[in-house]
Protein backbone atom coordinates (compact mmCIF):
# COMPACT_ATOMS: atom_id res chain seq x y z
CA MET A 1 0.00 0.00 0.00
CA GLU A 2 1.32 3.41 -1.02
CA PHE A 3 0.99 6.29 1.48
CA LEU A 4 0.92 9.88 0.24
CA THR A 5 2.81 12.61 1.96
CA THR A 6 1.04 15.73 3.12
CA LYS A 7 2.40 17.68 0.11
CA GLN A 8 1.27 15.00 -2.34
CA LYS A 9 -2.22 15.05 -0.85
CA ARG A 10 -2.41 18.82 -1.30
CA ASP A 11 -1.27 18.56 -4.93
CA LYS A 12 -3.83 15.85 -5.65
CA SER A 13 -6.64 17.95 -4.12
CA ARG A 14 -5.60 20.94 -6.23
CA ARG A 15 -5.68 18.82 -9.40
CA LEU A 16 -9.14 17.47 -8.49
CA PHE A 17 -10.55 20.91 -7.75
CA LEU A 18 -8.99 22.29 -10.94
CA GLY A 19 -10.54 19.46 -12.94
CA TYR A 20 -13.92 19.99 -11.34
CA GLY A 21 -13.68 23.71 -12.03
CA LEU A 22 -12.77 23.23 -15.69
CA PHE A 23 -15.54 20.64 -16.06
CA GLY A 24 -18.03 23.06 -14.49
CA ILE A 25 -16.93 25.83 -16.84
CA LEU A 26 -17.43 23.51 -19.81
CA ILE A 27 -20.92 22.63 -18.59
CA LEU A 28 -21.82 26.30 -18.15
CA LEU A 29 -20.39 27.14 -21.58
CA ALA A 30 -22.31 24.31 -23.22
CA THR A 31 -25.47 25.35 -21.42
CA TYR A 32 -24.98 28.95 -22.53
CA ILE A 33 -24.45 27.85 -26.14
CA MET A 34 -27.53 25.61 -26.08
CA VAL A 35 -29.72 28.28 -24.49
CA SER A 36 -28.44 30.94 -26.90
CA THR A 37 -29.05 28.64 -29.85
CA ALA A 38 -32.52 27.84 -28.57
CA LEU A 39 -33.21 31.57 -28.31
CA GLY A 40 -32.02 32.03 -31.87
CA TYR A 41 -28.57 33.58 -31.24
CA GLU A 42 -25.73 32.80 -33.60
CA VAL A 43 -22.55 34.42 -34.94
CA PHE A 44 -23.23 36.43 -38.09
CA ARG A 45 -20.03 35.33 -39.86
CA THR A 46 -19.83 38.07 -42.51
CA LYS A 47 -19.73 40.77 -39.82
CA GLY A 48 -18.48 38.81 -36.84
CA GLU A 49 -21.51 39.91 -34.81
CA VAL A 50 -23.73 37.88 -32.53
CA VAL A 51 -27.34 38.23 -33.66
CA GLN A 52 -30.61 36.69 -32.56
CA ASN A 53 -32.62 34.79 -35.14
CA GLY A 54 -36.36 34.67 -35.58
CA LEU A 55 -38.36 31.73 -36.81
CA LEU A 56 -40.50 32.07 -39.94
CA PHE A 57 -43.09 29.56 -41.10
CA ILE A 58 -44.19 29.97 -44.73
CA ASP A 59 -47.04 27.90 -46.14
CA SER A 60 -49.03 28.27 -49.33
CA ARG A 61 -51.98 26.75 -51.10
CA PRO A 62 -51.15 24.93 -53.28
CA ASP A 63 -47.84 24.04 -51.67
CA ALA A 64 -44.38 23.50 -53.25
CA ALA A 65 -44.11 27.18 -54.21
CA ILE A 66 -40.64 28.64 -54.68
CA ILE A 67 -39.60 30.99 -51.85
CA THR A 68 -37.49 34.05 -52.69
CA ILE A 69 -36.33 36.26 -49.81
CA ASN A 70 -34.63 39.59 -50.52
CA GLY A 71 -34.01 38.41 -54.08
CA ASN A 72 -32.40 35.10 -53.09
CA ARG A 73 -34.08 31.76 -53.66
CA GLU A 74 -34.38 29.53 -50.60
CA SER A 75 -33.42 25.87 -50.74
CA GLN A 76 -36.83 24.94 -49.33
CA ASN A 77 -40.21 25.33 -51.01
CA THR A 78 -43.46 25.85 -49.18
CA ASN A 79 -44.37 24.62 -46.70
CA ALA A 80 -41.15 25.65 -44.94
CA LYS A 81 -39.65 26.58 -41.57
CA LEU A 82 -36.82 29.12 -41.77
CA SER A 83 -34.47 30.51 -39.13
CA LEU A 84 -33.47 34.06 -40.12
CA PRO A 85 -31.57 36.91 -38.45
CA GLU A 86 -33.82 39.67 -37.21
CA GLY A 87 -34.53 42.28 -39.86
CA ARG A 88 -36.81 43.24 -42.72
CA TYR A 89 -37.52 40.76 -45.49
CA ASP A 90 -39.19 40.97 -48.90
CA ILE A 91 -40.79 37.60 -49.57
CA VAL A 92 -42.06 36.35 -52.93
CA LEU A 93 -43.81 33.03 -53.58
CA GLN A 94 -43.88 31.65 -57.13
CA LYS A 95 -45.34 28.56 -58.75
CA ASP A 96 -45.79 27.65 -62.40
CA GLY A 97 -49.33 28.39 -63.56
CA PHE A 98 -50.07 30.72 -60.64
CA ARG A 99 -49.74 34.44 -60.03
CA ASP A 100 -46.90 35.61 -57.79
CA TRP A 101 -47.60 36.42 -54.15
CA ALA A 102 -45.50 38.96 -52.21
CA ARG A 103 -45.25 40.52 -48.79
CA SER A 104 -42.65 42.45 -46.74
CA ILE A 105 -42.28 41.65 -43.05
CA ASN A 106 -40.23 42.70 -40.05
CA LEU A 107 -38.87 39.69 -38.14
CA SER A 108 -37.75 40.28 -34.55
CA GLY A 109 -35.07 38.21 -32.89
CA GLY A 110 -36.51 35.43 -30.75
CA SER A 111 -39.96 35.78 -32.33
CA VAL A 112 -42.01 33.36 -34.39
CA LYS A 113 -43.81 34.64 -37.48
CA PHE A 114 -46.43 32.68 -39.39
CA LEU A 115 -47.17 33.32 -43.06
CA THR A 116 -49.47 30.35 -43.34
CA TYR A 117 -52.34 32.01 -45.19
CA PRO A 118 -51.05 32.72 -48.76
CA ARG A 119 -53.35 31.42 -51.51
CA LEU A 120 -52.04 31.46 -55.04
CA LEU A 121 -54.51 32.31 -57.80
CA PRO A 122 -54.15 30.51 -61.16
CA VAL A 123 -52.97 32.64 -64.08
CA SER A 124 -55.64 31.15 -66.33
CA LEU A 125 -59.05 30.59 -64.77
CA GLU A 126 -60.65 27.48 -66.23
CA GLY A 127 -64.40 27.56 -66.75
CA LEU A 128 -66.12 24.47 -65.32
CA SER A 129 -69.78 25.16 -66.11
CA SER A 130 -71.99 27.89 -67.53
CA THR A 131 -75.72 28.48 -67.05
CA SER A 132 -77.77 31.27 -68.65
CA TYR A 133 -80.79 32.95 -67.05
CA ILE A 134 -83.43 35.07 -68.76
CA GLY A 135 -83.67 38.70 -67.68
CA LYS A 136 -81.38 41.15 -65.95
CA GLU A 137 -82.87 41.00 -62.44
CA MET A 138 -81.55 38.08 -60.43
CA GLN A 139 -81.50 36.97 -56.83
CA SER A 140 -79.06 34.50 -55.30
CA GLN A 141 -78.32 33.07 -51.88
CA GLN A 142 -75.51 30.72 -50.84
CA SER A 143 -76.12 28.03 -48.22
CA ARG A 144 -74.38 28.25 -44.87
CA ASP A 145 -71.97 25.44 -45.75
CA LYS A 146 -71.15 27.35 -48.99
CA ARG A 147 -71.95 24.33 -51.16
CA TRP A 148 -75.38 25.20 -52.53
CA LEU A 149 -76.36 28.29 -54.51
CA VAL A 150 -80.04 29.05 -55.15
CA MET A 151 -80.74 31.32 -58.11
CA HIS A 152 -84.00 33.13 -58.94
CA SER A 153 -84.86 35.25 -61.97
CA VAL A 154 -87.65 37.81 -61.86
CA ALA A 155 -88.55 36.64 -65.36
CA GLU A 156 -89.45 33.23 -63.87
CA PRO A 157 -91.10 34.30 -60.60
CA SER A 158 -92.04 30.88 -59.20
CA ILE A 159 -88.89 28.96 -60.23
CA PHE A 160 -85.75 28.44 -58.13
CA ARG A 161 -82.65 26.65 -59.42
CA ILE A 162 -79.96 25.23 -57.16
CA HIS A 163 -76.33 24.75 -58.18
CA ASP A 164 -73.86 22.41 -56.42
CA LEU A 165 -70.64 24.45 -56.16
CA ASP A 166 -68.69 21.37 -55.03
CA ARG A 167 -69.71 19.59 -58.24
CA PRO A 168 -70.16 22.29 -60.87
CA THR A 169 -71.02 19.84 -63.66
CA ALA A 170 -73.77 18.08 -61.67
CA ASP A 171 -77.41 18.44 -62.70
CA ILE A 172 -79.11 21.66 -61.58
CA LEU A 173 -82.03 21.18 -59.20
CA THR A 174 -85.29 22.98 -59.99
CA LEU A 175 -87.84 23.90 -57.30
CA SER A 176 -91.19 25.63 -57.79
CA LEU A 177 -93.71 27.45 -55.65
CA PRO A 178 -97.31 26.19 -55.79
CA GLN A 179 -99.44 27.41 -58.68
CA THR A 180 -101.57 29.52 -56.35
CA ALA A 181 -98.42 31.27 -55.17
CA GLY A 182 -97.31 31.67 -58.78
CA GLU A 183 -100.49 33.59 -59.55
CA LEU A 184 -99.89 35.77 -56.52
CA ILE A 185 -96.31 36.50 -57.51
CA ALA A 186 -97.16 37.85 -60.96
CA ALA A 187 -97.61 41.43 -59.77
CA THR A 188 -95.34 41.38 -56.71
CA SER A 189 -91.80 40.73 -55.52
CA VAL A 190 -90.03 37.59 -54.35
CA THR A 191 -87.20 37.53 -51.81
CA ILE A 192 -84.93 34.62 -50.96
CA VAL A 193 -84.57 35.33 -47.23
CA GLU A 194 -81.99 32.77 -46.07
CA TRP A 195 -80.92 29.13 -45.84
CA ALA A 196 -81.58 27.09 -42.71
CA GLY A 197 -78.74 25.56 -40.72
CA ASP A 198 -79.32 22.14 -42.29
CA ASN A 199 -78.35 23.55 -45.71
CA VAL A 200 -81.42 21.79 -47.14
CA HIS A 201 -84.30 24.21 -46.55
CA PHE A 202 -84.52 27.88 -47.49
CA LEU A 203 -87.07 30.59 -46.77
CA VAL A 204 -88.86 32.63 -49.45
CA ARG A 205 -90.97 35.73 -48.90
CA VAL A 206 -93.59 36.85 -51.45
CA ASP A 207 -94.95 40.40 -51.16
CA SER A 208 -98.08 41.76 -52.75
CA PRO A 209 -100.21 44.81 -51.90
CA GLY A 210 -101.58 44.26 -48.41
CA ALA A 211 -100.32 40.67 -48.08
CA THR A 212 -97.17 38.66 -47.46
CA LYS A 213 -96.65 34.94 -48.04
CA LEU A 214 -93.88 32.87 -46.43
CA PHE A 215 -92.70 29.57 -47.93
CA VAL A 216 -90.10 27.04 -46.80
CA LEU A 217 -88.68 25.01 -49.72
CA ASN A 218 -86.80 21.70 -49.49
CA ARG A 219 -83.75 21.08 -51.67
CA ASP A 220 -83.87 17.30 -51.13
CA LYS A 221 -87.62 17.10 -51.84
CA PRO A 222 -88.47 19.61 -54.59
CA GLY A 223 -92.17 18.89 -54.29
CA GLU A 224 -92.30 19.68 -50.58
CA VAL A 225 -93.28 23.30 -49.98
CA ASN A 226 -94.41 24.53 -46.57
CA ASP A 227 -96.79 27.49 -46.84
CA ALA A 228 -96.02 29.02 -43.42
CA THR A 229 -98.54 31.83 -43.87
CA THR A 230 -101.42 29.40 -44.34
CA ILE A 231 -100.20 27.00 -41.65
CA PHE A 232 -100.16 29.72 -39.01
CA GLY A 233 -103.00 31.88 -40.29
CA PHE A 234 -100.80 34.95 -40.60
CA SER A 235 -102.03 38.09 -42.33
CA GLY A 236 -100.62 41.51 -43.07
CA THR A 237 -96.99 42.45 -43.64
CA LEU A 238 -94.59 39.99 -42.03
CA LYS A 239 -90.87 39.54 -41.64
CA ALA A 240 -89.47 36.16 -40.73
CA THR A 241 -86.20 34.31 -40.18
CA PHE A 242 -85.17 30.84 -39.13
CA TRP A 243 -84.83 30.84 -35.35
CA ASP A 244 -81.50 29.34 -34.25
CA GLY A 245 -81.05 28.11 -37.80
CA LYS A 246 -83.78 25.47 -37.51
CA TRP A 247 -85.80 25.06 -40.69
CA ASP A 248 -89.06 24.24 -38.89
CA GLU A 249 -89.00 27.10 -36.39
CA LEU A 250 -89.52 30.68 -37.48
CA ALA A 251 -89.16 33.96 -35.64
CA VAL A 252 -91.94 36.04 -37.19
CA VAL A 253 -92.21 39.82 -36.82
CA ASP A 254 -95.67 41.23 -37.54
CA SER A 255 -96.47 44.74 -38.70
CA SER A 256 -96.72 45.99 -35.09
CA GLY A 257 -93.20 44.85 -34.22
CA ILE A 258 -94.19 41.88 -32.04
CA ILE A 259 -92.05 38.75 -32.48
CA ARG A 260 -93.44 35.25 -31.98
CA LEU A 261 -91.99 31.80 -32.56
CA ALA A 262 -93.87 29.57 -35.00
CA SER A 263 -93.24 25.82 -35.26
CA ILE A 264 -93.90 24.28 -38.66
CA LYS A 265 -93.60 20.79 -37.19
CA ASP A 266 -96.24 21.44 -34.52
CA LYS A 267 -98.22 23.93 -36.64
CA SER A 268 -98.36 26.25 -33.64
CA VAL A 269 -97.54 29.83 -32.73
CA SER A 270 -96.28 30.76 -29.28
CA ALA A 271 -98.79 32.72 -27.24
CA VAL A 272 -96.03 34.61 -25.43
CA PRO A 273 -93.93 36.98 -27.57
CA LEU A 274 -90.25 36.18 -27.91
CA ILE A 275 -89.48 39.73 -26.76
CA ALA A 276 -91.85 41.61 -24.47
CA GLU A 277 -91.63 44.93 -26.34
CA GLN A 278 -92.12 46.30 -29.83
CA VAL A 279 -89.10 45.74 -32.03
CA LEU A 280 -87.82 48.05 -34.74
CA ASP A 281 -85.15 45.75 -36.20
CA PHE A 282 -84.28 42.16 -35.39
CA TYR A 283 -80.92 40.43 -36.05
CA PRO A 284 -80.80 36.72 -35.10
CA LEU A 285 -77.50 35.22 -33.94
CA SER A 286 -76.63 31.62 -33.12
CA GLU A 287 -77.73 29.63 -30.05
CA LYS A 288 -81.11 31.37 -29.66
CA ARG A 289 -79.60 34.82 -29.32
CA ALA A 290 -80.46 38.00 -31.15
CA ILE A 291 -79.68 41.70 -31.35
CA TYR A 292 -82.68 44.00 -31.68
CA THR A 293 -83.57 47.66 -31.46
CA THR A 294 -86.48 49.42 -29.79
CA SER A 295 -87.61 53.01 -29.63
CA ALA A 296 -86.12 55.06 -26.79
CA GLY A 297 -88.20 58.22 -26.83
CA ASP A 298 -88.74 60.59 -29.70
CA SER A 299 -85.11 60.95 -30.69
CA GLY A 300 -83.34 57.72 -29.80
CA ILE A 301 -83.20 53.96 -30.15
CA SER A 302 -81.99 51.32 -27.74
CA VAL A 303 -79.79 48.47 -28.97
CA ARG A 304 -80.32 45.30 -26.94
CA VAL A 305 -79.26 41.67 -26.88
CA LEU A 306 -81.54 38.69 -26.20
CA GLU A 307 -79.93 35.65 -24.59
CA GLY A 308 -81.36 32.89 -22.44
CA GLY A 309 -84.79 34.50 -22.52
CA LYS A 310 -83.44 37.71 -20.96
CA THR A 311 -82.66 41.05 -22.57
CA TYR A 312 -79.69 43.34 -21.87
CA GLN A 313 -78.97 46.91 -22.91
CA ILE A 314 -75.91 47.40 -25.11
CA ILE A 315 -75.95 51.02 -26.21
CA SER A 316 -78.29 53.93 -26.92
CA LEU A 317 -78.12 55.74 -30.25
CA PRO A 318 -79.84 58.77 -31.76
CA LYS A 319 -82.38 57.96 -34.43
CA SER A 320 -80.73 57.87 -37.82
CA ASP A 321 -81.66 57.21 -41.43
CA GLU A 322 -78.50 55.10 -41.60
CA LYS A 323 -79.28 51.43 -41.03
CA LEU A 324 -77.63 49.67 -38.10
CA LEU A 325 -75.36 46.84 -39.28
CA VAL A 326 -74.94 43.78 -37.05
CA LYS A 327 -72.77 40.69 -37.50
CA GLY A 328 -71.86 37.94 -35.04
CA GLY A 329 -69.23 35.20 -35.06
CA GLY A 330 -67.38 32.83 -32.74
CA PHE A 331 -63.62 32.31 -32.56
CA ASN A 332 -61.50 30.34 -30.04
CA ARG A 333 -64.52 29.71 -27.78
CA ASN A 334 -65.36 33.41 -27.63
CA ASP A 335 -68.36 35.18 -29.10
CA PHE A 336 -67.76 38.35 -31.10
CA LEU A 337 -70.15 40.97 -32.40
CA ILE A 338 -69.67 43.91 -34.80
CA LEU A 339 -71.95 46.96 -34.70
CA SER A 340 -71.67 49.69 -37.33
CA GLY A 341 -73.84 52.34 -38.97
CA GLY A 342 -77.01 53.51 -37.24
CA GLY A 343 -75.39 56.81 -36.28
CA LEU A 344 -72.22 55.29 -34.82
CA GLU A 345 -69.09 57.27 -35.60
CA LYS A 346 -66.91 54.14 -35.49
CA ALA A 347 -67.61 50.43 -35.72
CA LEU A 348 -67.58 48.53 -32.42
CA LEU A 349 -66.27 44.99 -31.89
CA TYR A 350 -67.50 43.25 -28.72
CA ARG A 351 -66.25 40.02 -27.14
CA ASN A 352 -68.53 37.85 -24.97
CA LEU A 353 -71.03 40.68 -24.85
CA VAL A 354 -73.50 39.33 -22.30
CA ASP A 355 -70.75 38.23 -19.89
CA SER A 356 -69.24 41.72 -20.13
CA ILE A 357 -72.62 43.31 -19.38
CA LYS A 358 -73.17 41.07 -16.37
CA GLN A 359 -69.71 41.89 -14.99
CA SER A 360 -70.14 45.63 -15.48
CA THR A 361 -70.86 47.63 -12.31
CA THR A 362 -72.18 50.60 -14.28
CA GLY A 363 -74.41 48.73 -16.70
CA ARG A 364 -72.26 49.92 -19.57
CA VAL A 365 -70.07 47.68 -21.67
CA THR A 366 -66.78 48.68 -23.30
CA PRO A 367 -66.04 47.36 -26.80
CA PHE A 368 -63.22 44.85 -27.13
CA VAL A 369 -61.92 46.91 -30.06
CA THR A 370 -63.11 50.19 -31.54
CA MET A 371 -62.63 49.94 -35.27
CA PRO A 372 -61.28 53.23 -36.66
CA ILE A 373 -63.98 53.74 -39.31
CA ASP A 374 -67.77 53.59 -39.57
CA GLY A 375 -68.36 51.00 -42.25
CA GLU A 376 -71.01 50.49 -44.88
CA ALA A 377 -70.01 46.81 -45.02
CA ILE A 378 -69.11 44.55 -42.09
CA ASP A 379 -68.43 40.83 -41.79
CA PHE A 380 -66.31 38.12 -40.24
CA SER A 381 -64.08 35.90 -42.34
CA ARG A 382 -65.14 32.28 -42.75
CA SER A 383 -63.07 31.14 -39.77
CA ASN A 384 -64.25 34.25 -37.85
CA ARG A 385 -60.60 35.10 -37.16
CA PHE A 386 -60.81 38.45 -38.98
CA ALA A 387 -63.37 41.21 -38.37
CA PHE A 388 -63.86 43.49 -41.36
CA VAL A 389 -65.31 46.98 -41.73
CA ALA A 390 -65.29 49.03 -44.94
CA SER A 391 -66.50 52.43 -46.08
CA ASP A 392 -66.56 53.62 -49.68
CA ALA A 393 -62.83 54.41 -49.61
CA GLU A 394 -61.29 52.92 -46.47
CA SER A 395 -61.09 49.46 -44.89
CA ALA A 396 -60.15 48.11 -41.48
CA VAL A 397 -59.48 44.48 -40.56
CA TYR A 398 -58.83 43.25 -37.04
CA ASP A 399 -56.94 39.96 -36.58
CA ILE A 400 -58.51 38.47 -33.44
CA GLU A 401 -55.85 35.76 -33.14
CA GLN A 402 -52.81 38.03 -33.43
CA LYS A 403 -54.53 41.09 -31.89
CA GLU A 404 -53.42 43.22 -34.84
CA LEU A 405 -55.33 45.97 -36.65
CA PHE A 406 -54.89 46.75 -40.35
CA ARG A 407 -56.24 50.04 -41.69
CA TYR A 408 -55.76 50.98 -45.33
CA GLN A 409 -57.29 52.71 -48.31
CA THR A 410 -59.47 50.19 -50.10
CA PRO A 411 -57.23 49.05 -52.97
CA VAL A 412 -60.13 48.91 -55.47
CA THR A 413 -61.45 52.34 -56.47
CA ASN A 414 -65.13 52.87 -57.33
CA SER A 415 -66.10 49.69 -55.50
CA VAL A 416 -69.82 49.06 -55.01
CA GLN A 417 -69.61 45.76 -53.14
CA ILE A 418 -66.97 44.42 -50.75
CA GLY A 419 -66.89 41.25 -48.66
CA TRP A 420 -65.01 38.09 -47.78
CA PHE A 421 -63.94 35.87 -50.68
CA ASP A 422 -62.71 33.09 -48.39
CA ASP A 423 -61.07 32.82 -44.97
CA VAL A 424 -58.16 35.21 -45.72
CA ARG A 425 -59.08 37.15 -48.86
CA LEU A 426 -61.60 39.87 -49.64
CA TYR A 427 -63.34 40.66 -52.90
CA ALA A 428 -64.37 44.02 -54.32
CA ARG A 429 -66.62 44.70 -57.32
CA THR A 430 -66.41 48.01 -59.15
CA VAL A 431 -69.13 50.15 -60.74
CA GLU A 432 -68.00 48.81 -64.12
CA GLY A 433 -68.36 45.22 -62.89
CA THR A 434 -64.70 44.26 -62.61
CA LEU A 435 -64.17 41.79 -59.76
CA TYR A 436 -60.95 41.77 -57.72
CA VAL A 437 -59.62 39.68 -54.84
CA TYR A 438 -56.92 40.69 -52.35
CA ASP A 439 -55.44 39.65 -48.99
CA TYR A 440 -57.01 40.78 -45.72
CA ASN A 441 -54.28 43.41 -45.27
CA GLY A 442 -54.99 45.00 -48.65
CA GLU A 443 -52.05 43.44 -50.51
CA ASN A 444 -51.78 41.05 -53.48
CA MET A 445 -54.73 42.33 -55.49
CA TYR A 446 -55.71 40.31 -58.57
CA GLU A 447 -58.40 40.72 -61.19
CA LEU A 448 -60.79 37.77 -61.17
CA ALA A 449 -63.48 38.63 -63.74
CA LYS A 450 -65.12 41.42 -65.75
CA ASN A 451 -68.76 42.44 -66.37
CA THR A 452 -69.91 40.85 -63.12
CA SER A 453 -73.27 41.72 -61.58
CA SER A 454 -73.01 40.23 -58.09
CA MET A 455 -70.65 39.01 -55.42
CA PRO A 456 -68.62 35.82 -56.14
CA PHE A 457 -69.86 32.52 -54.73
CA VAL A 458 -66.99 30.39 -53.41
CA ASN A 459 -67.39 26.85 -52.09
CA GLN A 460 -66.09 25.80 -48.67
CA ALA A 461 -62.93 24.14 -50.01
CA VAL A 462 -62.08 27.32 -51.99
CA GLU A 463 -61.76 25.30 -55.20
CA HIS A 464 -64.58 26.80 -57.28
CA ALA A 465 -66.10 30.26 -57.61
CA GLY A 466 -69.42 31.14 -59.17
CA VAL A 467 -69.36 34.44 -61.05
CA LEU A 468 -72.52 36.06 -62.44
CA THR A 469 -72.04 38.16 -65.58
CA ALA A 470 -74.68 40.27 -67.28
CA THR A 471 -75.69 41.24 -70.83
CA ASP A 472 -78.54 43.49 -71.95
CA SER A 473 -81.15 40.72 -71.78
CA ALA A 474 -79.69 37.86 -69.73
CA GLN A 475 -77.26 36.81 -67.03
CA THR A 476 -74.87 33.87 -66.96
CA LEU A 477 -73.55 31.99 -63.95
CA GLN A 478 -70.10 30.68 -64.73
CA VAL A 479 -68.30 28.43 -62.24
CA ILE A 480 -64.52 28.68 -62.53
CA ASN A 481 -61.61 26.74 -61.05
CA ILE A 482 -59.62 28.89 -58.61
CA PHE A 483 -57.41 26.21 -57.04
CA SER A 484 -55.21 23.36 -58.23
CA LYS A 485 -54.80 20.30 -56.07
CA THR A 486 -51.81 20.15 -53.72
CA GLU A 487 -48.86 18.33 -55.27
């Protein structure tokens, strides 16, 4: 057995402590490098500087688009994940047969940016079907699932034709009102009110001097027509809508402003009004909720919400010739509501309105976001992520998910109709009938069609778009291909 001297023991302890110290330093250095790398830091070799990277996700539809950043082509195509030094980048997406898409972004170090919404529009738009209608006056209404499009020509007052936008070459369905209704229609007007939530039934209103008729038609059973006016014994001028989206339950507003629920299945009308006061305007929402207005003295109106059988005050407004615009939508388990027009100076976006009213100690509710303009058009995108407000020259879009507001001059001048084309793009139709589409932030504007006479009708999968074009004596519905399958 070898015994160490006191000096040897001290030397050995020093070596051990030195080794432990160096090992600890290596661990700390490795940890620092790993943490820095995880946070996006790296040495920018051309300048010898340490910079922090950001992470950029770029997707497109269709995918496999070439990515060019600041003029340099990336090795990856969409869909891609890129780690880039913080800074400003000009991004271009290109794919054969499609129009280029471009956007400039600022990428912060340590941040994650998602460009997952780009949709590339084909250079040549292939026509899939074409249907002509007699006359210049047309009505149309797209089902809630965006698949079915009902068309009605004033020249054929009792006839309704239904197109399948998912299958543009499929046979067109034809539905008719009863002959007695056809005789009534001859000297009056016909209005396609709305589709029910089942995307099978739709409501038609027929007006004549001193009388209104309400009919519920069935897409699956063309011969089945429910004459709601006769079933319930209604008379006088009526307004009606599907209550909670159910085809067999109507919320009917009579000429005095009283609203009652009418069940087609039970052939009954509720004895108790839905709302215990006279209503000026009525705007149904989902889940048996509604926004409505009532008179508040000689010079004002009260805007209220109905939920769970109870009513709550939202806001008071002066009486105005400008119509109040109301639109509701749900996103990420929250309910949102847009109010515009009706004398408001700016559009108001509310979140979980009734909960906010209940929690208020003053009885007043503050909007989630005040949109910077008073719009003549309002709507939510298909996913309800974006809230949109537009005037004749200016637009504002609020991104609920990213909590970001975009305000810009509407890129289409002389527009007469603006709305959502799909979940991320808007459309605008000019006085001359030229139809454009562009991204929610006002960029990447493309011409879609000319001589159009209505909004475009896009199916849920955003593969086909119905475009109505007009001549002097007729109109034609052409369904075009706007998307090529993902490679």
